[in-house]
Amino acid sequence: MSFESDLEATAEAADDLPDAEDIVQDRDEIPIRELFDAAFMTAHTDFDSFDEMVEASPSDATTADDLSLVPDGTWDEFVAETTVFDDEKEMVFAVRDHWVAEQLGLDESLSSQ
């Protein structure tokens, strides 16, 4: 998937983007449920929420808070089987681009490409 190049092209075409500082506002961490929102999950996975995905994984995890209970190799296999991504790394980069696009108001522009 080429989410990053789509985001870059859309951002370059945008007339007026806010400063990154206005978007992040001294946040050290973005909550996982905010990153993996319903729009991202329903568009790219077999699930409606990230908690639902974690609960369905082959582990004892029941919510995103328990994600560390899912072994890495098992999680990568599960991601490949239940999403449009090959592994966790690809999914994380895609959700990063989705979140940034949403914060910059580019999410509608990206979905129309």
PDB file of N, CA and C in Angstrom:
ATOM      1  N   MET A   1       0.844  -1.169   0.000  1.00  0.00           N
ATOM      2  CA  MET A   1       0.000   0.000   0.000  1.00  0.00           C
ATOM      3  C   MET A   1       0.887   1.229   0.000  1.00  0.00           C
ATOM      4  N   SER A   2       0.369   2.289  -0.544  1.00  0.00           N
ATOM      5  CA  SER A   2       1.166   3.489  -0.705  1.00  0.00           C
ATOM      6  C   SER A   2       0.515   4.674  -0.022  1.00  0.00           C
ATOM      7  N   PHE A   3       0.178   4.525   1.238  1.00  0.00           N
ATOM      8  CA  PHE A   3      -0.474   5.594   1.970  1.00  0.00           C
ATOM      9  C   PHE A   3       0.415   6.815   2.094  1.00  0.00           C
ATOM     10  N   GLU A   4       1.708   6.591   2.330  1.00  0.00           N
ATOM     11  CA  GLU A   4       2.614   7.706   2.556  1.00  0.00           C
ATOM     12  C   GLU A   4       2.708   8.595   1.331  1.00  0.00           C
ATOM     13  N   SER A   5       2.871   8.032   0.149  1.00  0.00           N
ATOM     14  CA  SER A   5       2.980   8.852  -1.048  1.00  0.00           C
ATOM     15  C   SER A   5       1.670   9.578  -1.326  1.00  0.00           C
ATOM     16  N   ASP A   6       0.524   8.944  -1.024  1.00  0.00           N
ATOM     17  CA  ASP A   6      -0.761   9.619  -1.178  1.00  0.00           C
ATOM     18  C   ASP A   6      -0.857  10.805  -0.233  1.00  0.00           C
ATOM     19  N   LEU A   7      -0.418  10.639   0.999  1.00  0.00           N
ATOM     20  CA  LEU A   7      -0.452  11.710   1.986  1.00  0.00           C
ATOM     21  C   LEU A   7       0.453  12.850   1.541  1.00  0.00           C
ATOM     22  N   GLU A   8       1.656  12.536   1.085  1.00  0.00           N
ATOM     23  CA  GLU A   8       2.584  13.576   0.649  1.00  0.00           C
ATOM     24  C   GLU A   8       2.019  14.355  -0.534  1.00  0.00           C
ATOM     25  N   ALA A   9       1.460  13.674  -1.512  1.00  0.00           N
ATOM     26  CA  ALA A   9       0.898  14.340  -2.689  1.00  0.00           C
ATOM     27  C   ALA A   9      -0.285  15.220  -2.302  1.00  0.00           C
ATOM     28  N   THR A  10      -1.129  14.730  -1.417  1.00  0.00           N
ATOM     29  CA  THR A  10      -2.288  15.497  -0.982  1.00  0.00           C
ATOM     30  C   THR A  10      -1.850  16.723  -0.194  1.00  0.00           C
ATOM     31  N   ALA A  11      -0.864  16.565   0.678  1.00  0.00           N
ATOM     32  CA  ALA A  11      -0.363  17.690   1.473  1.00  0.00           C
ATOM     33  C   ALA A  11       0.264  18.754   0.576  1.00  0.00           C
ATOM     34  N   GLU A  12       1.000  18.328  -0.433  1.00  0.00           N
ATOM     35  CA  GLU A  12       1.616  19.285  -1.349  1.00  0.00           C
ATOM     36  C   GLU A  12       0.564  20.066  -2.124  1.00  0.00           C
ATOM     37  N   ALA A  13      -0.558  19.436  -2.424  1.00  0.00           N
ATOM     38  CA  ALA A  13      -1.617  20.099  -3.186  1.00  0.00           C
ATOM     39  C   ALA A  13      -2.499  21.000  -2.311  1.00  0.00           C
ATOM     40  N   ALA A  14      -2.422  20.846  -1.012  1.00  0.00           N
ATOM     41  CA  ALA A  14      -3.256  21.634  -0.099  1.00  0.00           C
ATOM     42  C   ALA A  14      -2.778  23.075  -0.057  1.00  0.00           C
ATOM     43  N   ASP A  15      -3.728  23.986   0.042  1.00  0.00           N
ATOM     44  CA  ASP A  15      -3.402  25.414   0.054  1.00  0.00           C
ATOM     45  C   ASP A  15      -2.897  25.894   1.405  1.00  0.00           C
ATOM     46  N   ASP A  16      -3.547  25.477   2.465  1.00  0.00           N
ATOM     47  CA  ASP A  16      -3.240  26.037   3.779  1.00  0.00           C
ATOM     48  C   ASP A  16      -3.245  24.938   4.835  1.00  0.00           C
ATOM     49  N   LEU A  17      -2.082  24.509   5.251  1.00  0.00           N
ATOM     50  CA  LEU A  17      -1.981  23.473   6.274  1.00  0.00           C
ATOM     51  C   LEU A  17      -1.596  24.101   7.607  1.00  0.00           C
ATOM     52  N   PRO A  18      -2.144  23.605   8.704  1.00  0.00           N
ATOM     53  CA  PRO A  18      -1.742  24.120  10.015  1.00  0.00           C
ATOM     54  C   PRO A  18      -0.318  23.691  10.346  1.00  0.00           C
ATOM     55  N   ASP A  19       0.284  24.385  11.293  1.00  0.00           N
ATOM     56  CA  ASP A  19       1.612  23.998  11.771  1.00  0.00           C
ATOM     57  C   ASP A  19       1.509  22.706  12.562  1.00  0.00           C
ATOM     58  N   ALA A  20       2.543  21.900  12.474  1.00  0.00           N
ATOM     59  CA  ALA A  20       2.558  20.631  13.204  1.00  0.00           C
ATOM     60  C   ALA A  20       2.367  20.857  14.703  1.00  0.00           C
ATOM     61  N   GLU A  21       2.919  21.941  15.232  1.00  0.00           N
ATOM     62  CA  GLU A  21       2.797  22.229  16.664  1.00  0.00           C
ATOM     63  C   GLU A  21       1.332  22.425  17.066  1.00  0.00           C
ATOM     64  N   ASP A  22       0.534  22.981  16.154  1.00  0.00           N
ATOM     65  CA  ASP A  22      -0.886  23.181  16.456  1.00  0.00           C
ATOM     66  C   ASP A  22      -1.639  21.862  16.491  1.00  0.00           C
ATOM     67  N   ILE A  23      -1.157  20.881  15.765  1.00  0.00           N
ATOM     68  CA  ILE A  23      -1.822  19.581  15.702  1.00  0.00           C
ATOM     69  C   ILE A  23      -1.453  18.721  16.904  1.00  0.00           C
ATOM     70  N   VAL A  24      -0.183  18.624  17.203  1.00  0.00           N
ATOM     71  CA  VAL A  24       0.288  17.723  18.249  1.00  0.00           C
ATOM     72  C   VAL A  24       0.160  18.338  19.633  1.00  0.00           C
ATOM     73  N   GLN A  25       0.386  19.618  19.777  1.00  0.00           N
ATOM     74  CA  GLN A  25       0.226  20.360  21.022  1.00  0.00           C
ATOM     75  C   GLN A  25       0.885  19.689  22.219  1.00  0.00           C
ATOM     76  N   ASP A  26       2.179  19.496  22.134  1.00  0.00           N
ATOM     77  CA  ASP A  26       2.980  18.968  23.250  1.00  0.00           C
ATOM     78  C   ASP A  26       2.521  17.590  23.735  1.00  0.00           C
ATOM     79  N   ARG A  27       1.913  16.802  22.868  1.00  0.00           N
ATOM     80  CA  ARG A  27       1.488  15.458  23.254  1.00  0.00           C
ATOM     81  C   ARG A  27       2.665  14.511  23.093  1.00  0.00           C
ATOM     82  N   ASP A  28       2.949  13.785  24.139  1.00  0.00           N
ATOM     83  CA  ASP A  28       4.010  12.788  24.069  1.00  0.00           C
ATOM     84  C   ASP A  28       3.504  11.508  23.420  1.00  0.00           C
ATOM     85  N   GLU A  29       2.226  11.228  23.623  1.00  0.00           N
ATOM     86  CA  GLU A  29       1.681   9.962  23.170  1.00  0.00           C
ATOM     87  C   GLU A  29       0.243  10.166  22.685  1.00  0.00           C
ATOM     88  N   ILE A  30      -0.072   9.503  21.600  1.00  0.00           N
ATOM     89  CA  ILE A  30      -1.428   9.552  21.068  1.00  0.00           C
ATOM     90  C   ILE A  30      -2.102   8.247  21.470  1.00  0.00           C
ATOM     91  N   PRO A  31      -3.254   8.305  22.116  1.00  0.00           N
ATOM     92  CA  PRO A  31      -3.930   7.070  22.538  1.00  0.00           C
ATOM     93  C   PRO A  31      -4.181   6.131  21.357  1.00  0.00           C
ATOM     94  N   ILE A  32      -3.946   4.856  21.563  1.00  0.00           N
ATOM     95  CA  ILE A  32      -4.042   3.869  20.487  1.00  0.00           C
ATOM     96  C   ILE A  32      -5.441   3.833  19.877  1.00  0.00           C
ATOM     97  N   ARG A  33      -6.460   4.046  20.687  1.00  0.00           N
ATOM     98  CA  ARG A  33      -7.829   4.026  20.165  1.00  0.00           C
ATOM     99  C   ARG A  33      -8.113   5.242  19.288  1.00  0.00           C
ATOM    100  N   GLU A  34      -7.380   6.332  19.539  1.00  0.00           N
ATOM    101  CA  GLU A  34      -7.513   7.515  18.691  1.00  0.00           C
ATOM    102  C   GLU A  34      -6.832   7.273  17.338  1.00  0.00           C
ATOM    103  N   LEU A  35      -5.699   6.608  17.366  1.00  0.00           N
ATOM    104  CA  LEU A  35      -5.004   6.279  16.116  1.00  0.00           C
ATOM    105  C   LEU A  35      -5.821   5.302  15.278  1.00  0.00           C
ATOM    106  N   PHE A  36      -6.182   4.193  15.892  1.00  0.00           N
ATOM    107  CA  PHE A  36      -6.926   3.137  15.205  1.00  0.00           C
ATOM    108  C   PHE A  36      -8.427   3.398  15.363  1.00  0.00           C
ATOM    109  N   ASP A  37      -8.890   4.492  14.764  1.00  0.00           N
ATOM    110  CA  ASP A  37     -10.296   4.860  14.906  1.00  0.00           C
ATOM    111  C   ASP A  37     -11.187   3.968  14.039  1.00  0.00           C
ATOM    112  N   ALA A  38     -12.491   4.130  14.203  1.00  0.00           N
ATOM    113  CA  ALA A  38     -13.455   3.289  13.482  1.00  0.00           C
ATOM    114  C   ALA A  38     -13.313   3.413  11.973  1.00  0.00           C
ATOM    115  N   ALA A  39     -13.046   4.616  11.487  1.00  0.00           N
ATOM    116  CA  ALA A  39     -12.910   4.814  10.039  1.00  0.00           C
ATOM    117  C   ALA A  39     -11.753   3.985   9.486  1.00  0.00           C
ATOM    118  N   PHE A  40     -10.627   3.997  10.179  1.00  0.00           N
ATOM    119  CA  PHE A  40      -9.465   3.219   9.736  1.00  0.00           C
ATOM    120  C   PHE A  40      -9.748   1.728   9.834  1.00  0.00           C
ATOM    121  N   MET A  41     -10.307   1.326  10.967  1.00  0.00           N
ATOM    122  CA  MET A  41     -10.528  -0.101  11.195  1.00  0.00           C
ATOM    123  C   MET A  41     -11.508  -0.698  10.197  1.00  0.00           C
ATOM    124  N   THR A  42     -12.619  -0.027   9.950  1.00  0.00           N
ATOM    125  CA  THR A  42     -13.607  -0.596   9.032  1.00  0.00           C
ATOM    126  C   THR A  42     -13.121  -0.564   7.587  1.00  0.00           C
ATOM    127  N   ALA A  43     -12.276   0.386   7.244  1.00  0.00           N
ATOM    128  CA  ALA A  43     -11.770   0.481   5.869  1.00  0.00           C
ATOM    129  C   ALA A  43     -10.673  -0.531   5.568  1.00  0.00           C
ATOM    130  N   HIS A  44      -9.895  -0.921   6.595  1.00  0.00           N
ATOM    131  CA  HIS A  44      -8.693  -1.713   6.320  1.00  0.00           C
ATOM    132  C   HIS A  44      -8.602  -3.049   7.052  1.00  0.00           C
ATOM    133  N   THR A  45      -9.597  -3.349   7.887  1.00  0.00           N
ATOM    134  CA  THR A  45      -9.540  -4.593   8.657  1.00  0.00           C
ATOM    135  C   THR A  45     -10.897  -5.284   8.634  1.00  0.00           C
ATOM    136  N   ASP A  46     -10.959  -6.446   9.228  1.00  0.00           N
ATOM    137  CA  ASP A  46     -12.217  -7.184   9.371  1.00  0.00           C
ATOM    138  C   ASP A  46     -12.981  -6.770  10.631  1.00  0.00           C
ATOM    139  N   PHE A  47     -12.575  -5.688  11.275  1.00  0.00           N
ATOM    140  CA  PHE A  47     -13.114  -5.307  12.579  1.00  0.00           C
ATOM    141  C   PHE A  47     -13.624  -3.872  12.588  1.00  0.00           C
ATOM    142  N   ASP A  48     -14.503  -3.589  13.548  1.00  0.00           N
ATOM    143  CA  ASP A  48     -15.047  -2.242  13.708  1.00  0.00           C
ATOM    144  C   ASP A  48     -14.232  -1.390  14.674  1.00  0.00           C
ATOM    145  N   SER A  49     -13.444  -2.031  15.530  1.00  0.00           N
ATOM    146  CA  SER A  49     -12.624  -1.291  16.496  1.00  0.00           C
ATOM    147  C   SER A  49     -11.323  -2.050  16.745  1.00  0.00           C
ATOM    148  N   PHE A  50     -10.342  -1.325  17.276  1.00  0.00           N
ATOM    149  CA  PHE A  50      -9.069  -1.967  17.582  1.00  0.00           C
ATOM    150  C   PHE A  50      -9.224  -2.940  18.748  1.00  0.00           C
ATOM    151  N   ASP A  51     -10.057  -2.587  19.728  1.00  0.00           N
ATOM    152  CA  ASP A  51     -10.312  -3.507  20.835  1.00  0.00           C
ATOM    153  C   ASP A  51     -10.891  -4.826  20.318  1.00  0.00           C
ATOM    154  N   GLU A  52     -11.820  -4.733  19.374  1.00  0.00           N
ATOM    155  CA  GLU A  52     -12.422  -5.938  18.796  1.00  0.00           C
ATOM    156  C   GLU A  52     -11.356  -6.792  18.095  1.00  0.00           C
ATOM    157  N   MET A  53     -10.437  -6.141  17.417  1.00  0.00           N
ATOM    158  CA  MET A  53      -9.366  -6.870  16.730  1.00  0.00           C
ATOM    159  C   MET A  53      -8.461  -7.589  17.730  1.00  0.00           C
ATOM    160  N   VAL A  54      -8.078  -6.881  18.783  1.00  0.00           N
ATOM    161  CA  VAL A  54      -7.206  -7.479  19.797  1.00  0.00           C
ATOM    162  C   VAL A  54      -7.913  -8.641  20.475  1.00  0.00           C
ATOM    163  N   GLU A  55      -9.188  -8.466  20.794  1.00  0.00           N
ATOM    164  CA  GLU A  55      -9.948  -9.544  21.449  1.00  0.00           C
ATOM    165  C   GLU A  55     -10.042 -10.783  20.559  1.00  0.00           C
ATOM    166  N   ALA A  56     -10.126 -10.592  19.257  1.00  0.00           N
ATOM    167  CA  ALA A  56     -10.231 -11.716  18.324  1.00  0.00           C
ATOM    168  C   ALA A  56      -8.888 -12.386  18.042  1.00  0.00           C
ATOM    169  N   SER A  57      -7.817 -11.764  18.463  1.00  0.00           N
ATOM    170  CA  SER A  57      -6.486 -12.318  18.195  1.00  0.00           C
ATOM    171  C   SER A  57      -6.267 -13.625  18.955  1.00  0.00           C
ATOM    172  N   PRO A  58      -5.355 -14.450  18.471  1.00  0.00           N
ATOM    173  CA  PRO A  58      -5.063 -15.724  19.147  1.00  0.00           C
ATOM    174  C   PRO A  58      -4.185 -15.507  20.387  1.00  0.00           C
ATOM    175  N   SER A  59      -4.794 -14.931  21.408  1.00  0.00           N
ATOM    176  CA  SER A  59      -4.064 -14.658  22.654  1.00  0.00           C
ATOM    177  C   SER A  59      -5.062 -14.473  23.788  1.00  0.00           C
ATOM    178  N   ASP A  60      -4.555 -14.147  24.954  1.00  0.00           N
ATOM    179  CA  ASP A  60      -5.407 -13.875  26.106  1.00  0.00           C
ATOM    180  C   ASP A  60      -5.836 -12.409  26.169  1.00  0.00           C
ATOM    181  N   ALA A  61      -5.389 -11.604  25.227  1.00  0.00           N
ATOM    182  CA  ALA A  61      -5.713 -10.175  25.221  1.00  0.00           C
ATOM    183  C   ALA A  61      -7.190  -9.968  24.907  1.00  0.00           C
ATOM    184  N   THR A  62      -7.796  -8.987  25.597  1.00  0.00           N
ATOM    185  CA  THR A  62      -9.209  -8.680  25.351  1.00  0.00           C
ATOM    186  C   THR A  62      -9.434  -7.234  24.923  1.00  0.00           C
ATOM    187  N   THR A  63      -8.452  -6.353  25.147  1.00  0.00           N
ATOM    188  CA  THR A  63      -8.567  -4.953  24.737  1.00  0.00           C
ATOM    189  C   THR A  63      -7.206  -4.461  24.256  1.00  0.00           C
ATOM    190  N   ALA A  64      -7.199  -3.267  23.695  1.00  0.00           N
ATOM    191  CA  ALA A  64      -5.951  -2.660  23.237  1.00  0.00           C
ATOM    192  C   ALA A  64      -4.948  -2.516  24.376  1.00  0.00           C
ATOM    193  N   ASP A  65      -5.451  -2.346  25.603  1.00  0.00           N
ATOM    194  CA  ASP A  65      -4.561  -2.228  26.763  1.00  0.00           C
ATOM    195  C   ASP A  65      -3.757  -3.500  26.999  1.00  0.00           C
ATOM    196  N   ASP A  66      -4.266  -4.628  26.497  1.00  0.00           N
ATOM    197  CA  ASP A  66      -3.615  -5.923  26.684  1.00  0.00           C
ATOM    198  C   ASP A  66      -2.754  -6.343  25.485  1.00  0.00           C
ATOM    199  N   LEU A  67      -2.524  -5.451  24.554  1.00  0.00           N
ATOM    200  CA  LEU A  67      -1.834  -5.800  23.312  1.00  0.00           C
ATOM    201  C   LEU A  67      -0.488  -6.471  23.561  1.00  0.00           C
ATOM    202  N   SER A  68       0.167  -6.124  24.635  1.00  0.00           N
ATOM    203  CA  SER A  68       1.479  -6.731  24.927  1.00  0.00           C
ATOM    204  C   SER A  68       1.380  -8.236  25.199  1.00  0.00           C
ATOM    205  N   LEU A  69       0.191  -8.737  25.449  1.00  0.00           N
ATOM    206  CA  LEU A  69       0.009 -10.174  25.682  1.00  0.00           C
ATOM    207  C   LEU A  69       0.044 -10.994  24.386  1.00  0.00           C
ATOM    208  N   VAL A  70      -0.060 -10.317  23.237  1.00  0.00           N
ATOM    209  CA  VAL A  70      -0.069 -11.012  21.955  1.00  0.00           C
ATOM    210  C   VAL A  70       1.377 -11.134  21.472  1.00  0.00           C
ATOM    211  N   PRO A  71       1.878 -12.351  21.288  1.00  0.00           N
ATOM    212  CA  PRO A  71       3.259 -12.521  20.820  1.00  0.00           C
ATOM    213  C   PRO A  71       3.462 -11.884  19.445  1.00  0.00           C
ATOM    214  N   ASP A  72       4.645 -11.275  19.222  1.00  0.00           N
ATOM    215  CA  ASP A  72       4.928 -10.540  17.986  1.00  0.00           C
ATOM    216  C   ASP A  72       4.655 -11.347  16.723  1.00  0.00           C
ATOM    217  N   GLY A  73       5.225 -12.519  16.600  1.00  0.00           N
ATOM    218  CA  GLY A  73       5.024 -13.323  15.394  1.00  0.00           C
ATOM    219  C   GLY A  73       3.568 -13.672  15.178  1.00  0.00           C
ATOM    220  N   THR A  74       2.872 -13.981  16.260  1.00  0.00           N
ATOM    221  CA  THR A  74       1.450 -14.299  16.188  1.00  0.00           C
ATOM    222  C   THR A  74       0.663 -13.074  15.735  1.00  0.00           C
ATOM    223  N   TRP A  75       1.019 -11.917  16.245  1.00  0.00           N
ATOM    224  CA  TRP A  75       0.316 -10.684  15.878  1.00  0.00           C
ATOM    225  C   TRP A  75       0.518 -10.377  14.396  1.00  0.00           C
ATOM    226  N   ASP A  76       1.751 -10.510  13.901  1.00  0.00           N
ATOM    227  CA  ASP A  76       2.016 -10.255  12.479  1.00  0.00           C
ATOM    228  C   ASP A  76       1.183 -11.180  11.593  1.00  0.00           C
ATOM    229  N   GLU A  77       1.106 -12.447  11.945  1.00  0.00           N
ATOM    230  CA  GLU A  77       0.284 -13.397  11.185  1.00  0.00           C
ATOM    231  C   GLU A  77      -1.183 -12.995  11.226  1.00  0.00           C
ATOM    232  N   PHE A  78      -1.647 -12.619  12.393  1.00  0.00           N
ATOM    233  CA  PHE A  78      -3.043 -12.221  12.567  1.00  0.00           C
ATOM    234  C   PHE A  78      -3.356 -10.966  11.749  1.00  0.00           C
ATOM    235  N   VAL A  79      -2.455 -10.004  11.773  1.00  0.00           N
ATOM    236  CA  VAL A  79      -2.631  -8.780  10.977  1.00  0.00           C
ATOM    237  C   VAL A  79      -2.717  -9.131   9.492  1.00  0.00           C
ATOM    238  N   ALA A  80      -1.833  -9.991   9.027  1.00  0.00           N
ATOM    239  CA  ALA A  80      -1.832 -10.389   7.616  1.00  0.00           C
ATOM    240  C   ALA A  80      -3.129 -11.094   7.218  1.00  0.00           C
ATOM    241  N   GLU A  81      -3.691 -11.865   8.135  1.00  0.00           N
ATOM    242  CA  GLU A  81      -4.913 -12.629   7.841  1.00  0.00           C
ATOM    243  C   GLU A  81      -6.189 -11.791   7.934  1.00  0.00           C
ATOM    244  N   THR A  82      -6.192 -10.743   8.748  1.00  0.00           N
ATOM    245  CA  THR A  82      -7.447 -10.032   9.034  1.00  0.00           C
ATOM    246  C   THR A  82      -7.457  -8.568   8.591  1.00  0.00           C
ATOM    247  N   THR A  83      -6.393  -8.148   7.915  1.00  0.00           N
ATOM    248  CA  THR A  83      -6.325  -6.768   7.435  1.00  0.00           C
ATOM    249  C   THR A  83      -5.807  -6.763   5.999  1.00  0.00           C
ATOM    250  N   VAL A  84      -5.724  -5.594   5.425  1.00  0.00           N
ATOM    251  CA  VAL A  84      -5.154  -5.453   4.081  1.00  0.00           C
ATOM    252  C   VAL A  84      -3.631  -5.307   4.138  1.00  0.00           C
ATOM    253  N   PHE A  85      -3.056  -5.404   5.322  1.00  0.00           N
ATOM    254  CA  PHE A  85      -1.619  -5.196   5.514  1.00  0.00           C
ATOM    255  C   PHE A  85      -0.879  -6.522   5.647  1.00  0.00           C
ATOM    256  N   ASP A  86       0.393  -6.507   5.279  1.00  0.00           N
ATOM    257  CA  ASP A  86       1.229  -7.708   5.354  1.00  0.00           C
ATOM    258  C   ASP A  86       1.710  -8.015   6.768  1.00  0.00           C
ATOM    259  N   ASP A  87       1.828  -6.966   7.601  1.00  0.00           N
ATOM    260  CA  ASP A  87       2.322  -7.156   8.962  1.00  0.00           C
ATOM    261  C   ASP A  87       2.027  -5.914   9.802  1.00  0.00           C
ATOM    262  N   GLU A  88       2.397  -5.984  11.066  1.00  0.00           N
ATOM    263  CA  GLU A  88       2.130  -4.893  11.996  1.00  0.00           C
ATOM    264  C   GLU A  88       2.805  -3.599  11.552  1.00  0.00           C
ATOM    265  N   LYS A  89       4.041  -3.689  11.091  1.00  0.00           N
ATOM    266  CA  LYS A  89       4.786  -2.493  10.698  1.00  0.00           C
ATOM    267  C   LYS A  89       4.038  -1.735   9.599  1.00  0.00           C
ATOM    268  N   GLU A  90       3.563  -2.441   8.590  1.00  0.00           N
ATOM    269  CA  GLU A  90       2.835  -1.804   7.501  1.00  0.00           C
ATOM    270  C   GLU A  90       1.550  -1.150   8.020  1.00  0.00           C
ATOM    271  N   MET A  91       0.854  -1.832   8.928  1.00  0.00           N
ATOM    272  CA  MET A  91      -0.376  -1.289   9.496  1.00  0.00           C
ATOM    273  C   MET A  91      -0.086  -0.034  10.321  1.00  0.00           C
ATOM    274  N   VAL A  92       0.983  -0.044  11.088  1.00  0.00           N
ATOM    275  CA  VAL A  92       1.335   1.103  11.930  1.00  0.00           C
ATOM    276  C   VAL A  92       1.672   2.323  11.069  1.00  0.00           C
ATOM    277  N   PHE A  93       2.428   2.128  10.003  1.00  0.00           N
ATOM    278  CA  PHE A  93       2.741   3.258   9.130  1.00  0.00           C
ATOM    279  C   PHE A  93       1.481   3.796   8.451  1.00  0.00           C
ATOM    280  N   ALA A  94       0.575   2.921   8.077  1.00  0.00           N
ATOM    281  CA  ALA A  94      -0.673   3.347   7.442  1.00  0.00           C
ATOM    282  C   ALA A  94      -1.546   4.120   8.418  1.00  0.00           C
ATOM    283  N   VAL A  95      -1.643   3.649   9.663  1.00  0.00           N
ATOM    284  CA  VAL A  95      -2.476   4.355  10.636  1.00  0.00           C
ATOM    285  C   VAL A  95      -1.842   5.692  11.001  1.00  0.00           C
ATOM    286  N   ARG A  96      -0.531   5.762  11.006  1.00  0.00           N
ATOM    287  CA  ARG A  96       0.143   7.044  11.244  1.00  0.00           C
ATOM    288  C   ARG A  96      -0.261   8.052  10.170  1.00  0.00           C
ATOM    289  N   ASP A  97      -0.202   7.628   8.910  1.00  0.00           N
ATOM    290  CA  ASP A  97      -0.565   8.523   7.809  1.00  0.00           C
ATOM    291  C   ASP A  97      -2.049   8.902   7.872  1.00  0.00           C
ATOM    292  N   HIS A  98      -2.879   7.939   8.238  1.00  0.00           N
ATOM    293  CA  HIS A  98      -4.316   8.202   8.387  1.00  0.00           C
ATOM    294  C   HIS A  98      -4.540   9.269   9.462  1.00  0.00           C
ATOM    295  N   TRP A  99      -3.888   9.121  10.594  1.00  0.00           N
ATOM    296  CA  TRP A  99      -4.069  10.063  11.705  1.00  0.00           C
ATOM    297  C   TRP A  99      -3.581  11.452  11.327  1.00  0.00           C
ATOM    298  N   VAL A 100      -2.414  11.520  10.712  1.00  0.00           N
ATOM    299  CA  VAL A 100      -1.869  12.818  10.300  1.00  0.00           C
ATOM    300  C   VAL A 100      -2.807  13.481   9.296  1.00  0.00           C
ATOM    301  N   ALA A 101      -3.261  12.723   8.307  1.00  0.00           N
ATOM    302  CA  ALA A 101      -4.177  13.271   7.301  1.00  0.00           C
ATOM    303  C   ALA A 101      -5.454  13.790   7.949  1.00  0.00           C
ATOM    304  N   GLU A 102      -5.959  13.037   8.915  1.00  0.00           N
ATOM    305  CA  GLU A 102      -7.170  13.456   9.613  1.00  0.00           C
ATOM    306  C   GLU A 102      -6.926  14.745  10.396  1.00  0.00           C
ATOM    307  N   GLN A 103      -5.805  14.841  11.069  1.00  0.00           N
ATOM    308  CA  GLN A 103      -5.486  16.031  11.852  1.00  0.00           C
ATOM    309  C   GLN A 103      -5.303  17.258  10.964  1.00  0.00           C
ATOM    310  N   LEU A 104      -4.798  17.046   9.751  1.00  0.00           N
ATOM    311  CA  LEU A 104      -4.569  18.152   8.824  1.00  0.00           C
ATOM    312  C   LEU A 104      -5.792  18.453   7.953  1.00  0.00           C
ATOM    313  N   GLY A 105      -6.853  17.684   8.141  1.00  0.00           N
ATOM    314  CA  GLY A 105      -8.041  17.887   7.332  1.00  0.00           C
ATOM    315  C   GLY A 105      -7.890  17.367   5.921  1.00  0.00           C
ATOM    316  N   LEU A 106      -6.974  16.429   5.725  1.00  0.00           N
ATOM    317  CA  LEU A 106      -6.712  15.875   4.398  1.00  0.00           C
ATOM    318  C   LEU A 106      -7.375  14.521   4.205  1.00  0.00           C
ATOM    319  N   ASP A 107      -8.055  14.007   5.225  1.00  0.00           N
ATOM    320  CA  ASP A 107      -8.606  12.661   5.157  1.00  0.00           C
ATOM    321  C   ASP A 107      -9.610  12.506   4.008  1.00  0.00           C
ATOM    322  N   GLU A 108     -10.438  13.495   3.752  1.00  0.00           N
ATOM    323  CA  GLU A 108     -11.383  13.395   2.639  1.00  0.00           C
ATOM    324  C   GLU A 108     -10.664  13.442   1.301  1.00  0.00           C
ATOM    325  N   SER A 109      -9.613  14.227   1.196  1.00  0.00           N
ATOM    326  CA  SER A 109      -8.845  14.314  -0.042  1.00  0.00           C
ATOM    327  C   SER A 109      -8.176  12.987  -0.350  1.00  0.00           C
ATOM    328  N   LEU A 110      -7.662  12.314   0.681  1.00  0.00           N
ATOM    329  CA  LEU A 110      -6.995  11.032   0.481  1.00  0.00           C
ATOM    330  C   LEU A 110      -7.987   9.957   0.051  1.00  0.00           C
ATOM    331  N   SER A 111      -9.175   9.954   0.632  1.00  0.00           N
ATOM    332  CA  SER A 111     -10.127   8.902   0.300  1.00  0.00           C
ATOM    333  C   SER A 111     -10.695   9.061  -1.104  1.00  0.00           C
ATOM    334  N   SER A 112     -10.577  10.231  -1.681  1.00  0.00           N
ATOM    335  CA  SER A 112     -11.091  10.423  -3.036  1.00  0.00           C
ATOM    336  C   SER A 112     -10.049  10.113  -4.101  1.00  0.00           C
ATOM    337  N   GLN A 113      -8.812   9.777  -3.690  1.00  0.00           N
ATOM    338  CA  GLN A 113      -7.754   9.475  -4.657  1.00  0.00           C
ATOM    339  C   GLN A 113      -7.832   8.056  -5.121  1.00  0.00           C
TER     340      GLN A 113
END
